Amino acid sequence: MSEENLKKAINIIADNKAERWEDIARALGATTTQTESVEDKYPKNFQQQCLYYLTDVWWEKEAAEATVEKLCQTLQKLGLNRTKDAVEKECNVTTAAPVSVKRKRPMSPYYQKGPEEPILAVAWNEEIPLFRSDQGSRPTASSN
């Protein structure tokens, strides 16, 4: 059953996204030498290149780890969600969306928006003079 699903998945990918086969291959761990040899074997035929890589190179190399789920996760990483959805639907497989946690950089209190007051705000208070002198006025250059 899983081998049959894998064949279905590979055919869907080859039918829909053959022109992106190199991106898919690289995301699955292909080397430049592997992709070049596939291109040499089937020049100018993206569908054959895609089918050959996924069946004869990737599937053979990965053996038991070559799964529909792994293909779907790769398609999702590449943003090929429609193809991923078609594979999941045809093969009756669901893959959980990877959860990405983005850390927000803490904002400086001067740039915070919202009802909170900035932490380092300075308020003017007339009772506390900014300059201290006997007269309560600004010090001059000579009074230092």
C-alpha atoms as a PDB file:
ATOM      1  CA  MET A   1       0.000   0.000   0.000  1.00  0.00           C
ATOM      2  CA  SER A   2       2.704   2.509   0.937  1.00  0.00           C
ATOM      3  CA  GLU A   3       4.727   1.637  -2.183  1.00  0.00           C
ATOM      4  CA  GLU A   4       1.626   2.168  -4.297  1.00  0.00           C
ATOM      5  CA  ASN A   5       0.996   5.529  -2.594  1.00  0.00           C
ATOM      6  CA  LEU A   6       4.602   6.534  -3.141  1.00  0.00           C
ATOM      7  CA  LYS A   7       4.269   5.779  -6.863  1.00  0.00           C
ATOM      8  CA  LYS A   8       1.065   7.872  -6.975  1.00  0.00           C
ATOM      9  CA  ALA A   9       2.764  10.733  -5.155  1.00  0.00           C
ATOM     10  CA  ILE A  10       5.767  10.684  -7.486  1.00  0.00           C
ATOM     11  CA  ASN A  11       3.484  10.705 -10.548  1.00  0.00           C
ATOM     12  CA  ILE A  12       1.489  13.653  -9.189  1.00  0.00           C
ATOM     13  CA  ILE A  13       4.690  15.597  -8.545  1.00  0.00           C
ATOM     14  CA  ALA A  14       6.027  14.752 -12.017  1.00  0.00           C
ATOM     15  CA  ASP A  15       2.740  15.785 -13.643  1.00  0.00           C
ATOM     16  CA  ASN A  16       2.360  19.053 -11.729  1.00  0.00           C
ATOM     17  CA  LYS A  17       5.812  20.310 -10.799  1.00  0.00           C
ATOM     18  CA  ALA A  18       8.290  18.613 -13.115  1.00  0.00           C
ATOM     19  CA  GLU A  19       9.918  21.961 -13.932  1.00  0.00           C
ATOM     20  CA  ARG A  20      10.822  22.314 -10.222  1.00  0.00           C
ATOM     21  CA  TRP A  21      12.302  18.827  -9.956  1.00  0.00           C
ATOM     22  CA  GLU A  22      15.806  20.166  -9.179  1.00  0.00           C
ATOM     23  CA  ASP A  23      14.503  22.219  -6.235  1.00  0.00           C
ATOM     24  CA  ILE A  24      12.658  19.168  -4.945  1.00  0.00           C
ATOM     25  CA  ALA A  25      15.735  16.986  -5.443  1.00  0.00           C
ATOM     26  CA  ARG A  26      17.988  19.422  -3.569  1.00  0.00           C
ATOM     27  CA  ALA A  27      15.492  19.654  -0.713  1.00  0.00           C
ATOM     28  CA  LEU A  28      15.583  15.856  -0.523  1.00  0.00           C
ATOM     29  CA  GLY A  29      19.381  15.881  -0.327  1.00  0.00           C
ATOM     30  CA  ALA A  30      20.528  15.527  -3.949  1.00  0.00           C
ATOM     31  CA  THR A  31      24.054  16.499  -4.863  1.00  0.00           C
ATOM     32  CA  THR A  32      25.013  18.575  -7.890  1.00  0.00           C
ATOM     33  CA  THR A  33      26.575  15.490  -9.466  1.00  0.00           C
ATOM     34  CA  GLN A  34      23.310  13.571  -9.119  1.00  0.00           C
ATOM     35  CA  THR A  35      21.208  16.321 -10.674  1.00  0.00           C
ATOM     36  CA  GLU A  36      23.677  16.787 -13.532  1.00  0.00           C
ATOM     37  CA  SER A  37      23.703  13.066 -14.313  1.00  0.00           C
ATOM     38  CA  VAL A  38      19.890  13.053 -14.412  1.00  0.00           C
ATOM     39  CA  GLU A  39      19.918  16.058 -16.765  1.00  0.00           C
ATOM     40  CA  ASP A  40      22.425  14.282 -19.017  1.00  0.00           C
ATOM     41  CA  LYS A  41      20.307  11.139 -19.084  1.00  0.00           C
ATOM     42  CA  TYR A  42      17.085  12.984 -20.072  1.00  0.00           C
ATOM     43  CA  PRO A  43      18.020  16.334 -21.637  1.00  0.00           C
ATOM     44  CA  LYS A  44      15.181  18.889 -21.928  1.00  0.00           C
ATOM     45  CA  ASN A  45      12.551  16.506 -20.533  1.00  0.00           C
ATOM     46  CA  PHE A  46      11.642  17.755 -17.037  1.00  0.00           C
ATOM     47  CA  GLN A  47       8.984  15.117 -16.443  1.00  0.00           C
ATOM     48  CA  GLN A  48      11.365  12.250 -17.177  1.00  0.00           C
ATOM     49  CA  GLN A  49      14.086  13.909 -15.109  1.00  0.00           C
ATOM     50  CA  CYS A  50      11.679  14.247 -12.192  1.00  0.00           C
ATOM     51  CA  LEU A  51      10.411  10.668 -12.467  1.00  0.00           C
ATOM     52  CA  TYR A  52      13.909   9.250 -12.829  1.00  0.00           C
ATOM     53  CA  TYR A  53      15.330  11.176  -9.883  1.00  0.00           C
ATOM     54  CA  LEU A  54      12.460  10.402  -7.516  1.00  0.00           C
ATOM     55  CA  THR A  55      12.201   6.710  -8.410  1.00  0.00           C
ATOM     56  CA  ASP A  56      15.702   5.586  -9.383  1.00  0.00           C
ATOM     57  CA  VAL A  57      17.865   7.889  -7.285  1.00  0.00           C
ATOM     58  CA  TRP A  58      15.978   9.135  -4.221  1.00  0.00           C
ATOM     59  CA  TRP A  59      13.774   6.088  -3.603  1.00  0.00           C
ATOM     60  CA  GLU A  60      16.690   3.677  -4.027  1.00  0.00           C
ATOM     61  CA  LYS A  61      18.942   5.727  -1.733  1.00  0.00           C
ATOM     62  CA  GLU A  62      16.371   6.331   0.994  1.00  0.00           C
ATOM     63  CA  ALA A  63      14.765   2.853   0.881  1.00  0.00           C
ATOM     64  CA  ALA A  64      12.570   2.604   4.004  1.00  0.00           C
ATOM     65  CA  GLU A  65      12.738   6.348   4.700  1.00  0.00           C
ATOM     66  CA  ALA A  66      11.293   7.233   1.295  1.00  0.00           C
ATOM     67  CA  THR A  67       7.712   8.031   2.280  1.00  0.00           C
ATOM     68  CA  VAL A  68       4.787  10.046   1.005  1.00  0.00           C
ATOM     69  CA  GLU A  69       4.924  12.070   4.212  1.00  0.00           C
ATOM     70  CA  LYS A  70       8.542  13.031   3.551  1.00  0.00           C
ATOM     71  CA  LEU A  71       7.641  14.125   0.017  1.00  0.00           C
ATOM     72  CA  CYS A  72       4.723  16.184   1.362  1.00  0.00           C
ATOM     73  CA  GLN A  73       6.905  17.876   3.957  1.00  0.00           C
ATOM     74  CA  THR A  74       9.443  18.712   1.250  1.00  0.00           C
ATOM     75  CA  LEU A  75       6.742  20.142  -1.003  1.00  0.00           C
ATOM     76  CA  GLN A  76       5.459  22.245   1.879  1.00  0.00           C
ATOM     77  CA  LYS A  77       8.948  23.593   2.661  1.00  0.00           C
ATOM     78  CA  LEU A  78       9.246  24.665  -0.969  1.00  0.00           C
ATOM     79  CA  GLY A  79       5.844  26.369  -0.905  1.00  0.00           C
ATOM     80  CA  LEU A  80       4.296  23.862  -3.333  1.00  0.00           C
ATOM     81  CA  ASN A  81       1.181  23.519  -1.211  1.00  0.00           C
ATOM     82  CA  ARG A  82      -1.286  22.773  -4.019  1.00  0.00           C
ATOM     83  CA  THR A  83       0.806  19.840  -5.164  1.00  0.00           C
ATOM     84  CA  LYS A  84       1.200  18.716  -1.552  1.00  0.00           C
ATOM     85  CA  ASP A  85      -2.571  18.890  -1.071  1.00  0.00           C
ATOM     86  CA  ALA A  86      -3.139  16.871  -4.262  1.00  0.00           C
ATOM     87  CA  VAL A  87      -0.697  14.197  -3.072  1.00  0.00           C
ATOM     88  CA  GLU A  88      -2.334  14.036   0.373  1.00  0.00           C
ATOM     89  CA  LYS A  89      -5.803  13.763  -1.141  1.00  0.00           C
ATOM     90  CA  GLU A  90      -4.868  11.079  -3.671  1.00  0.00           C
ATOM     91  CA  CYS A  91      -2.867   9.020  -1.173  1.00  0.00           C
ATOM     92  CA  ASN A  92      -5.202   9.538   1.819  1.00  0.00           C
ATOM     93  CA  VAL A  93      -2.343  10.919   3.877  1.00  0.00           C
ATOM     94  CA  THR A  94      -2.271  13.921   6.150  1.00  0.00           C
ATOM     95  CA  THR A  95       0.908  15.585   7.238  1.00  0.00           C
ATOM     96  CA  ALA A  96       0.950  17.919  10.164  1.00  0.00           C
ATOM     97  CA  ALA A  97       2.019  21.429   9.358  1.00  0.00           C
ATOM     98  CA  PRO A  98       5.357  22.213  10.947  1.00  0.00           C
ATOM     99  CA  VAL A  99       5.009  24.609  13.804  1.00  0.00           C
ATOM    100  CA  SER A 100       7.355  27.513  13.541  1.00  0.00           C
ATOM    101  CA  VAL A 101       7.871  29.686  16.542  1.00  0.00           C
ATOM    102  CA  LYS A 102       9.081  33.156  15.774  1.00  0.00           C
ATOM    103  CA  ARG A 103      10.680  35.005  18.592  1.00  0.00           C
ATOM    104  CA  LYS A 104       9.806  38.621  18.722  1.00  0.00           C
ATOM    105  CA  ARG A 105      12.641  40.949  19.395  1.00  0.00           C
ATOM    106  CA  PRO A 106      11.895  42.956  22.519  1.00  0.00           C
ATOM    107  CA  MET A 107      11.111  46.501  21.597  1.00  0.00           C
ATOM    108  CA  SER A 108      12.790  49.458  23.154  1.00  0.00           C
ATOM    109  CA  PRO A 109      10.449  51.109  25.668  1.00  0.00           C
ATOM    110  CA  TYR A 110      10.573  54.280  23.599  1.00  0.00           C
ATOM    111  CA  TYR A 111       8.937  52.480  20.685  1.00  0.00           C
ATOM    112  CA  GLN A 112       6.314  50.479  22.537  1.00  0.00           C
ATOM    113  CA  LYS A 113       2.775  51.073  21.440  1.00  0.00           C
ATOM    114  CA  GLY A 114      -0.216  50.477  23.565  1.00  0.00           C
ATOM    115  CA  PRO A 115      -1.783  51.693  26.773  1.00  0.00           C
ATOM    116  CA  GLU A 116       1.382  51.149  28.823  1.00  0.00           C
ATOM    117  CA  GLU A 117       3.650  54.082  29.518  1.00  0.00           C
ATOM    118  CA  PRO A 118       7.275  53.791  28.441  1.00  0.00           C
ATOM    119  CA  ILE A 119       9.452  52.417  31.183  1.00  0.00           C
ATOM    120  CA  LEU A 120      12.113  55.123  30.924  1.00  0.00           C
ATOM    121  CA  ALA A 121       9.802  58.094  30.452  1.00  0.00           C
ATOM    122  CA  VAL A 122      10.898  61.380  32.009  1.00  0.00           C
ATOM    123  CA  ALA A 123       8.102  63.654  33.165  1.00  0.00           C
ATOM    124  CA  TRP A 124       8.500  67.338  33.865  1.00  0.00           C
ATOM    125  CA  ASN A 125       7.784  68.219  37.465  1.00  0.00           C
ATOM    126  CA  GLU A 126       7.885  71.897  38.368  1.00  0.00           C
ATOM    127  CA  GLU A 127       8.589  71.125  42.008  1.00  0.00           C
ATOM    128  CA  ILE A 128      11.896  69.430  41.187  1.00  0.00           C
ATOM    129  CA  PRO A 129      14.283  71.910  39.541  1.00  0.00           C
ATOM    130  CA  LEU A 130      16.460  70.540  36.785  1.00  0.00           C
ATOM    131  CA  PHE A 131      19.302  72.830  37.845  1.00  0.00           C
ATOM    132  CA  ARG A 132      20.176  73.304  41.483  1.00  0.00           C
ATOM    133  CA  SER A 133      21.469  76.601  42.625  1.00  0.00           C
ATOM    134  CA  ASP A 134      20.883  78.909  45.531  1.00  0.00           C
ATOM    135  CA  GLN A 135      18.749  81.238  43.451  1.00  0.00           C
ATOM    136  CA  GLY A 136      16.750  78.484  41.766  1.00  0.00           C
ATOM    137  CA  SER A 137      17.753  79.680  38.324  1.00  0.00           C
ATOM    138  CA  ARG A 138      19.981  78.194  35.685  1.00  0.00           C
ATOM    139  CA  PRO A 139      23.653  78.179  36.527  1.00  0.00           C
ATOM    140  CA  THR A 140      25.844  80.336  34.374  1.00  0.00           C
ATOM    141  CA  ALA A 141      29.292  79.500  33.103  1.00  0.00           C
ATOM    142  CA  SER A 142      30.867  81.600  35.855  1.00  0.00           C
ATOM    143  CA  SER A 143      28.967  79.965  38.726  1.00  0.00           C
ATOM    144  CA  ASN A 144      30.410  76.464  38.260  1.00  0.00           C
END
